[in-house]
Amino acid sequence: MRSLLTIADGEKCSLTDKEGKKFEELRDQADVLDIEIGRLEAIQDEERNLPGTQVDGKGVSNDELRTYILTGERRALSTAIRTTPGDCIDYDRTRDDILRDAEVFSIKLVGFYTWNATHRRTQLQGAGLDVEPFPQTYL
């Protein structure tokens, strides 16, 4: 598409009818592909949010991770991470996810950040998991 416009611009003229038709055909094809890509990405996002499901394809790229860090975009970066709806953390859902994972995987120890985590710690300990503080400070 760009080449058609570049040639017309270089010749200091508008697109011919034939070139205009070709341009519109290419644009329609691009629109169809955009729709198909959107559908595939929606399916992949749904699959990514299923617990224990690995999405085919490569892992998180550095660019994707950098975008996430800079924008705070709320979406799962990994197949093992499920997001919670809204702008706050659903602690019950994340607890349930941890307990569901504990049924599937052999979890040796759960690290937790000590600030504001007393309730979570007691819930996980009550469910039989070993927990240990994991400070996020630099010593």
N, C-alpha and C. Protein backbone atom coordinates (compact mmCIF):
# COMPACT_ATOMS: atom_id res chain seq x y z
N MET A 1 0.83 -1.18 0.00
CA MET A 1 0.00 0.00 0.00
C MET A 1 0.88 1.25 0.00
N ARG A 2 1.89 1.23 0.84
CA ARG A 2 2.77 2.39 0.94
C ARG A 2 3.47 2.63 -0.40
N SER A 3 3.87 1.53 -1.06
CA SER A 3 4.60 1.69 -2.33
C SER A 3 3.73 2.35 -3.39
N LEU A 4 2.43 2.04 -3.40
CA LEU A 4 1.53 2.68 -4.36
C LEU A 4 1.49 4.19 -4.13
N LEU A 5 1.38 4.59 -2.88
CA LEU A 5 1.34 6.01 -2.57
C LEU A 5 2.68 6.70 -2.84
N THR A 6 3.78 6.00 -2.56
CA THR A 6 5.11 6.58 -2.78
C THR A 6 5.35 6.82 -4.27
N ILE A 7 4.96 5.85 -5.09
CA ILE A 7 5.13 6.01 -6.54
C ILE A 7 4.29 7.17 -7.06
N ALA A 8 3.04 7.25 -6.63
CA ALA A 8 2.17 8.33 -7.07
C ALA A 8 2.72 9.68 -6.60
N ASP A 9 3.22 9.73 -5.40
CA ASP A 9 3.78 10.97 -4.88
C ASP A 9 5.04 11.37 -5.64
N GLY A 10 5.87 10.37 -5.98
CA GLY A 10 7.09 10.63 -6.74
C GLY A 10 6.79 11.16 -8.14
N GLU A 11 5.68 10.71 -8.69
CA GLU A 11 5.28 11.17 -10.03
C GLU A 11 4.43 12.42 -9.97
N LYS A 12 4.24 12.92 -8.76
CA LYS A 12 3.45 14.15 -8.54
C LYS A 12 2.04 14.04 -9.14
N CYS A 13 1.40 12.89 -8.88
CA CYS A 13 0.04 12.69 -9.39
C CYS A 13 -0.74 11.85 -8.39
N SER A 14 -2.03 11.77 -8.62
CA SER A 14 -2.89 10.94 -7.80
C SER A 14 -2.83 9.50 -8.29
N LEU A 15 -3.38 8.60 -7.51
CA LEU A 15 -3.45 7.21 -7.94
C LEU A 15 -4.39 7.08 -9.13
N THR A 16 -4.03 6.23 -10.06
CA THR A 16 -4.94 5.94 -11.18
C THR A 16 -6.10 5.12 -10.63
N ASP A 17 -7.13 4.95 -11.45
CA ASP A 17 -8.27 4.15 -11.02
C ASP A 17 -7.84 2.73 -10.67
N LYS A 18 -6.96 2.17 -11.50
CA LYS A 18 -6.47 0.81 -11.26
C LYS A 18 -5.67 0.76 -9.96
N GLU A 19 -4.79 1.75 -9.74
CA GLU A 19 -4.00 1.79 -8.51
C GLU A 19 -4.89 2.03 -7.29
N GLY A 20 -5.89 2.88 -7.46
CA GLY A 20 -6.83 3.14 -6.37
C GLY A 20 -7.60 1.89 -5.98
N LYS A 21 -8.00 1.12 -6.99
CA LYS A 21 -8.71 -0.12 -6.75
C LYS A 21 -7.80 -1.12 -6.01
N LYS A 22 -6.55 -1.21 -6.46
CA LYS A 22 -5.59 -2.11 -5.82
C LYS A 22 -5.35 -1.68 -4.37
N PHE A 23 -5.24 -0.37 -4.14
CA PHE A 23 -5.04 0.15 -2.80
C PHE A 23 -6.21 -0.25 -1.89
N GLU A 24 -7.44 -0.07 -2.37
CA GLU A 24 -8.62 -0.42 -1.58
C GLU A 24 -8.70 -1.92 -1.30
N GLU A 25 -8.29 -2.74 -2.28
CA GLU A 25 -8.27 -4.19 -2.08
C GLU A 25 -7.28 -4.56 -0.98
N LEU A 26 -6.10 -3.97 -1.03
CA LEU A 26 -5.10 -4.24 -0.01
C LEU A 26 -5.57 -3.77 1.37
N ARG A 27 -6.22 -2.64 1.39
CA ARG A 27 -6.74 -2.10 2.65
C ARG A 27 -7.82 -3.02 3.23
N ASP A 28 -8.70 -3.54 2.37
CA ASP A 28 -9.73 -4.47 2.82
C ASP A 28 -9.10 -5.76 3.36
N GLN A 29 -8.06 -6.24 2.68
CA GLN A 29 -7.36 -7.44 3.15
C GLN A 29 -6.73 -7.18 4.53
N ALA A 30 -6.16 -6.01 4.70
CA ALA A 30 -5.54 -5.66 5.99
C ALA A 30 -6.60 -5.61 7.08
N ASP A 31 -7.78 -5.06 6.77
CA ASP A 31 -8.86 -5.00 7.76
C ASP A 31 -9.32 -6.40 8.16
N VAL A 32 -9.44 -7.30 7.19
CA VAL A 32 -9.83 -8.68 7.48
C VAL A 32 -8.79 -9.35 8.37
N LEU A 33 -7.52 -9.13 8.05
CA LEU A 33 -6.44 -9.71 8.86
C LEU A 33 -6.44 -9.14 10.28
N ASP A 34 -6.71 -7.84 10.42
CA ASP A 34 -6.78 -7.23 11.75
C ASP A 34 -7.88 -7.87 12.59
N ILE A 35 -9.03 -8.13 11.98
CA ILE A 35 -10.13 -8.77 12.68
C ILE A 35 -9.74 -10.18 13.12
N GLU A 36 -9.12 -10.93 12.22
CA GLU A 36 -8.70 -12.29 12.53
C GLU A 36 -7.64 -12.30 13.64
N ILE A 37 -6.70 -11.38 13.57
CA ILE A 37 -5.68 -11.28 14.62
C ILE A 37 -6.34 -10.96 15.96
N GLY A 38 -7.29 -10.06 15.97
CA GLY A 38 -8.01 -9.71 17.20
C GLY A 38 -8.72 -10.91 17.80
N ARG A 39 -9.33 -11.72 16.96
CA ARG A 39 -10.01 -12.93 17.44
C ARG A 39 -9.00 -13.90 18.06
N LEU A 40 -7.89 -14.12 17.36
CA LEU A 40 -6.87 -15.05 17.86
C LEU A 40 -6.26 -14.55 19.17
N GLU A 41 -6.03 -13.23 19.27
CA GLU A 41 -5.48 -12.68 20.51
C GLU A 41 -6.48 -12.81 21.65
N ALA A 42 -7.78 -12.63 21.36
CA ALA A 42 -8.79 -12.78 22.40
C ALA A 42 -8.82 -14.22 22.93
N ILE A 43 -8.73 -15.18 22.01
CA ILE A 43 -8.70 -16.59 22.42
C ILE A 43 -7.46 -16.87 23.24
N GLN A 44 -6.33 -16.35 22.80
CA GLN A 44 -5.08 -16.57 23.53
C GLN A 44 -5.14 -15.94 24.93
N ASP A 45 -5.73 -14.76 25.04
CA ASP A 45 -5.87 -14.13 26.36
C ASP A 45 -6.75 -14.97 27.28
N GLU A 46 -7.85 -15.51 26.73
CA GLU A 46 -8.71 -16.37 27.53
C GLU A 46 -7.97 -17.61 27.98
N GLU A 47 -7.23 -18.23 27.07
CA GLU A 47 -6.46 -19.43 27.41
C GLU A 47 -5.38 -19.11 28.43
N ARG A 48 -4.78 -17.95 28.29
CA ARG A 48 -3.71 -17.55 29.20
C ARG A 48 -4.22 -17.43 30.62
N ASN A 49 -5.47 -17.06 30.79
CA ASN A 49 -6.03 -16.87 32.12
C ASN A 49 -6.56 -18.14 32.75
N LEU A 50 -6.55 -19.25 32.03
CA LEU A 50 -6.95 -20.53 32.61
C LEU A 50 -5.80 -21.05 33.46
N PRO A 51 -6.10 -21.52 34.67
CA PRO A 51 -5.01 -22.00 35.52
C PRO A 51 -4.36 -23.25 34.94
N GLY A 52 -3.04 -23.26 34.96
CA GLY A 52 -2.28 -24.43 34.52
C GLY A 52 -2.26 -24.66 33.03
N THR A 53 -2.71 -23.69 32.24
CA THR A 53 -2.75 -23.86 30.80
C THR A 53 -1.62 -23.07 30.18
N GLN A 54 -0.84 -23.72 29.34
CA GLN A 54 0.24 -23.04 28.65
C GLN A 54 -0.23 -22.66 27.26
N VAL A 55 -0.02 -21.41 26.90
CA VAL A 55 -0.38 -20.93 25.58
C VAL A 55 0.78 -21.22 24.65
N ASP A 56 0.46 -21.79 23.48
CA ASP A 56 1.51 -22.08 22.52
C ASP A 56 2.16 -20.78 22.07
N GLY A 57 3.43 -20.84 21.80
CA GLY A 57 4.15 -19.67 21.33
C GLY A 57 5.30 -19.35 22.25
N LYS A 58 5.97 -18.26 21.94
CA LYS A 58 7.14 -17.89 22.74
C LYS A 58 6.71 -17.24 24.04
N GLY A 59 7.65 -17.14 24.94
CA GLY A 59 7.38 -16.54 26.24
C GLY A 59 7.28 -15.03 26.13
N VAL A 60 7.36 -14.38 27.24
CA VAL A 60 7.27 -12.93 27.30
C VAL A 60 8.55 -12.33 26.75
N SER A 61 8.39 -11.44 25.79
CA SER A 61 9.57 -10.79 25.21
C SER A 61 9.99 -9.63 26.11
N ASN A 62 11.21 -9.17 25.93
CA ASN A 62 11.69 -8.02 26.70
C ASN A 62 10.85 -6.79 26.41
N ASP A 63 10.44 -6.62 25.14
CA ASP A 63 9.61 -5.46 24.80
C ASP A 63 8.26 -5.52 25.50
N GLU A 64 7.66 -6.73 25.54
CA GLU A 64 6.37 -6.88 26.21
C GLU A 64 6.50 -6.59 27.70
N LEU A 65 7.55 -7.10 28.31
CA LEU A 65 7.79 -6.87 29.73
C LEU A 65 8.04 -5.39 29.99
N ARG A 66 8.84 -4.75 29.14
CA ARG A 66 9.13 -3.32 29.29
C ARG A 66 7.84 -2.50 29.18
N THR A 67 6.98 -2.85 28.23
CA THR A 67 5.70 -2.15 28.07
C THR A 67 4.86 -2.31 29.32
N TYR A 68 4.83 -3.53 29.86
CA TYR A 68 4.06 -3.77 31.08
C TYR A 68 4.57 -2.92 32.24
N ILE A 69 5.88 -2.87 32.39
CA ILE A 69 6.48 -2.11 33.49
C ILE A 69 6.21 -0.62 33.32
N LEU A 70 6.33 -0.10 32.11
CA LEU A 70 6.17 1.33 31.88
C LEU A 70 4.72 1.78 31.95
N THR A 71 3.79 0.94 31.47
CA THR A 71 2.39 1.36 31.39
C THR A 71 1.53 0.83 32.51
N GLY A 72 1.99 -0.23 33.18
CA GLY A 72 1.16 -0.85 34.21
C GLY A 72 -0.05 -1.54 33.61
N GLU A 73 0.04 -1.88 32.33
CA GLU A 73 -1.07 -2.52 31.64
C GLU A 73 -1.50 -3.77 32.40
N ARG A 74 -2.80 -3.86 32.66
CA ARG A 74 -3.31 -4.97 33.45
C ARG A 74 -3.66 -6.15 32.56
N ARG A 75 -2.75 -7.05 32.45
CA ARG A 75 -3.01 -8.29 31.74
C ARG A 75 -1.94 -9.28 32.13
N ALA A 76 -2.21 -10.51 31.88
CA ALA A 76 -1.26 -11.55 32.27
C ALA A 76 -0.08 -11.55 31.32
N LEU A 77 1.10 -11.59 31.87
CA LEU A 77 2.30 -11.68 31.04
C LEU A 77 2.72 -13.12 30.85
N SER A 78 2.24 -13.97 31.67
CA SER A 78 2.65 -15.36 31.63
C SER A 78 1.42 -16.24 31.65
N THR A 79 1.56 -17.47 31.19
CA THR A 79 0.43 -18.38 31.21
C THR A 79 0.08 -18.78 32.63
N ALA A 80 0.97 -18.60 33.58
CA ALA A 80 0.72 -19.02 34.95
C ALA A 80 0.09 -17.91 35.79
N ILE A 81 -0.07 -16.73 35.24
CA ILE A 81 -0.59 -15.61 36.00
C ILE A 81 -2.01 -15.31 35.54
N ARG A 82 -2.93 -15.28 36.49
CA ARG A 82 -4.31 -14.89 36.18
C ARG A 82 -4.54 -13.50 36.73
N THR A 83 -5.20 -12.69 35.96
CA THR A 83 -5.49 -11.34 36.42
C THR A 83 -6.85 -11.35 37.11
N THR A 84 -7.08 -10.33 37.92
CA THR A 84 -8.39 -10.16 38.55
C THR A 84 -9.02 -8.91 37.97
N PRO A 85 -10.33 -8.94 37.78
CA PRO A 85 -10.99 -7.78 37.17
C PRO A 85 -11.00 -6.59 38.11
N GLY A 86 -11.10 -5.40 37.53
CA GLY A 86 -11.18 -4.19 38.33
C GLY A 86 -9.82 -3.59 38.63
N ASP A 87 -9.85 -2.57 39.48
CA ASP A 87 -8.61 -1.86 39.79
C ASP A 87 -8.12 -2.15 41.20
N CYS A 88 -8.55 -3.27 41.77
CA CYS A 88 -8.05 -3.67 43.07
C CYS A 88 -7.81 -5.18 43.07
N ILE A 89 -7.10 -5.66 44.04
CA ILE A 89 -6.75 -7.07 44.12
C ILE A 89 -7.89 -7.84 44.77
N ASP A 90 -8.31 -8.92 44.14
CA ASP A 90 -9.31 -9.82 44.71
C ASP A 90 -8.55 -10.88 45.51
N TYR A 91 -8.38 -10.64 46.81
CA TYR A 91 -7.56 -11.52 47.64
C TYR A 91 -8.15 -12.92 47.77
N ASP A 92 -9.47 -13.02 47.76
CA ASP A 92 -10.08 -14.35 47.84
C ASP A 92 -9.75 -15.18 46.60
N ARG A 93 -9.80 -14.54 45.45
CA ARG A 93 -9.50 -15.26 44.21
C ARG A 93 -8.04 -15.68 44.15
N THR A 94 -7.14 -14.78 44.55
CA THR A 94 -5.73 -15.15 44.51
C THR A 94 -5.42 -16.25 45.52
N ARG A 95 -6.08 -16.21 46.70
CA ARG A 95 -5.91 -17.29 47.67
C ARG A 95 -6.40 -18.62 47.08
N ASP A 96 -7.59 -18.58 46.46
CA ASP A 96 -8.14 -19.79 45.84
C ASP A 96 -7.22 -20.32 44.75
N ASP A 97 -6.61 -19.43 43.98
CA ASP A 97 -5.67 -19.86 42.93
C ASP A 97 -4.45 -20.55 43.54
N ILE A 98 -3.94 -19.99 44.63
CA ILE A 98 -2.78 -20.60 45.29
C ILE A 98 -3.15 -21.99 45.82
N LEU A 99 -4.32 -22.10 46.45
CA LEU A 99 -4.74 -23.39 46.99
C LEU A 99 -5.01 -24.40 45.88
N ARG A 100 -5.56 -23.94 44.77
CA ARG A 100 -5.80 -24.84 43.62
C ARG A 100 -4.47 -25.31 43.05
N ASP A 101 -3.50 -24.40 42.96
CA ASP A 101 -2.18 -24.79 42.48
C ASP A 101 -1.52 -25.78 43.43
N ALA A 102 -1.77 -25.61 44.73
CA ALA A 102 -1.18 -26.52 45.72
C ALA A 102 -1.71 -27.94 45.56
N GLU A 103 -2.91 -28.10 45.01
CA GLU A 103 -3.47 -29.43 44.75
C GLU A 103 -2.79 -30.09 43.55
N VAL A 104 -2.31 -29.26 42.63
CA VAL A 104 -1.71 -29.78 41.39
C VAL A 104 -0.20 -29.93 41.53
N PHE A 105 0.45 -28.96 42.17
CA PHE A 105 1.90 -28.92 42.28
C PHE A 105 2.33 -29.20 43.71
N SER A 106 3.54 -29.64 43.85
CA SER A 106 4.10 -29.88 45.17
C SER A 106 4.80 -28.59 45.63
N ILE A 107 4.05 -27.75 46.32
CA ILE A 107 4.58 -26.46 46.77
C ILE A 107 5.31 -26.68 48.08
N LYS A 108 6.59 -26.38 48.09
CA LYS A 108 7.42 -26.57 49.28
C LYS A 108 7.25 -25.42 50.27
N LEU A 109 7.18 -24.20 49.75
CA LEU A 109 7.16 -23.04 50.62
C LEU A 109 6.54 -21.87 49.85
N VAL A 110 5.73 -21.08 50.56
CA VAL A 110 5.13 -19.89 49.96
C VAL A 110 5.77 -18.68 50.63
N GLY A 111 6.42 -17.84 49.83
CA GLY A 111 6.99 -16.60 50.35
C GLY A 111 5.94 -15.50 50.30
N PHE A 112 5.93 -14.64 51.31
CA PHE A 112 4.97 -13.53 51.31
C PHE A 112 5.65 -12.26 51.80
N TYR A 113 5.18 -11.16 51.26
CA TYR A 113 5.67 -9.85 51.68
C TYR A 113 4.97 -9.51 52.99
N THR A 114 5.71 -9.14 53.99
CA THR A 114 5.18 -9.02 55.35
C THR A 114 4.20 -7.86 55.53
N TRP A 115 4.31 -6.83 54.72
CA TRP A 115 3.41 -5.69 54.89
C TRP A 115 1.99 -6.09 54.49
N ASN A 116 1.07 -5.99 55.41
CA ASN A 116 -0.35 -6.19 55.16
C ASN A 116 -0.68 -7.62 54.70
N ALA A 117 0.08 -8.61 55.16
CA ALA A 117 -0.15 -9.98 54.70
C ALA A 117 -0.50 -10.95 55.82
N THR A 118 -0.82 -10.45 56.99
CA THR A 118 -1.11 -11.33 58.12
C THR A 118 -2.29 -12.25 57.81
N HIS A 119 -3.34 -11.69 57.27
CA HIS A 119 -4.53 -12.48 56.96
C HIS A 119 -4.22 -13.57 55.92
N ARG A 120 -3.52 -13.19 54.88
CA ARG A 120 -3.16 -14.16 53.84
C ARG A 120 -2.29 -15.27 54.42
N ARG A 121 -1.32 -14.89 55.25
CA ARG A 121 -0.43 -15.89 55.85
C ARG A 121 -1.23 -16.89 56.68
N THR A 122 -2.13 -16.41 57.51
CA THR A 122 -2.90 -17.32 58.36
C THR A 122 -3.84 -18.20 57.53
N GLN A 123 -4.38 -17.66 56.43
CA GLN A 123 -5.23 -18.48 55.56
C GLN A 123 -4.44 -19.63 54.94
N LEU A 124 -3.25 -19.32 54.42
CA LEU A 124 -2.44 -20.35 53.77
C LEU A 124 -1.90 -21.35 54.78
N GLN A 125 -1.51 -20.87 55.96
CA GLN A 125 -1.06 -21.79 57.00
C GLN A 125 -2.20 -22.70 57.44
N GLY A 126 -3.39 -22.13 57.55
CA GLY A 126 -4.56 -22.92 57.93
C GLY A 126 -4.90 -24.00 56.92
N ALA A 127 -4.52 -23.76 55.68
CA ALA A 127 -4.76 -24.75 54.62
C ALA A 127 -3.63 -25.77 54.55
N GLY A 128 -2.63 -25.64 55.43
CA GLY A 128 -1.56 -26.62 55.49
C GLY A 128 -0.32 -26.29 54.69
N LEU A 129 -0.21 -25.06 54.19
CA LEU A 129 0.98 -24.67 53.44
C LEU A 129 2.02 -24.06 54.37
N ASP A 130 3.29 -24.30 54.08
CA ASP A 130 4.37 -23.66 54.81
C ASP A 130 4.59 -22.28 54.21
N VAL A 131 4.64 -21.27 55.06
CA VAL A 131 4.84 -19.90 54.59
C VAL A 131 6.03 -19.29 55.30
N GLU A 132 6.66 -18.36 54.62
CA GLU A 132 7.83 -17.70 55.19
C GLU A 132 7.88 -16.27 54.66
N PRO A 133 8.24 -15.31 55.53
CA PRO A 133 8.33 -13.92 55.06
C PRO A 133 9.41 -13.78 53.98
N PHE A 134 9.11 -12.94 53.03
CA PHE A 134 10.05 -12.66 51.94
C PHE A 134 10.11 -11.15 51.77
N PRO A 135 11.04 -10.48 52.45
CA PRO A 135 11.10 -9.01 52.39
C PRO A 135 11.46 -8.50 51.00
N GLN A 136 10.90 -7.37 50.64
CA GLN A 136 11.19 -6.75 49.36
C GLN A 136 12.06 -5.52 49.55
N THR A 137 12.90 -5.57 50.55
CA THR A 137 13.79 -4.45 50.81
C THR A 137 15.19 -4.82 50.38
N TYR A 138 15.99 -3.81 50.14
CA TYR A 138 17.37 -4.00 49.74
C TYR A 138 18.24 -3.79 50.96
N LEU A 139 19.06 -4.76 51.26
CA LEU A 139 19.93 -4.66 52.44
C LEU A 139 21.31 -4.28 52.05
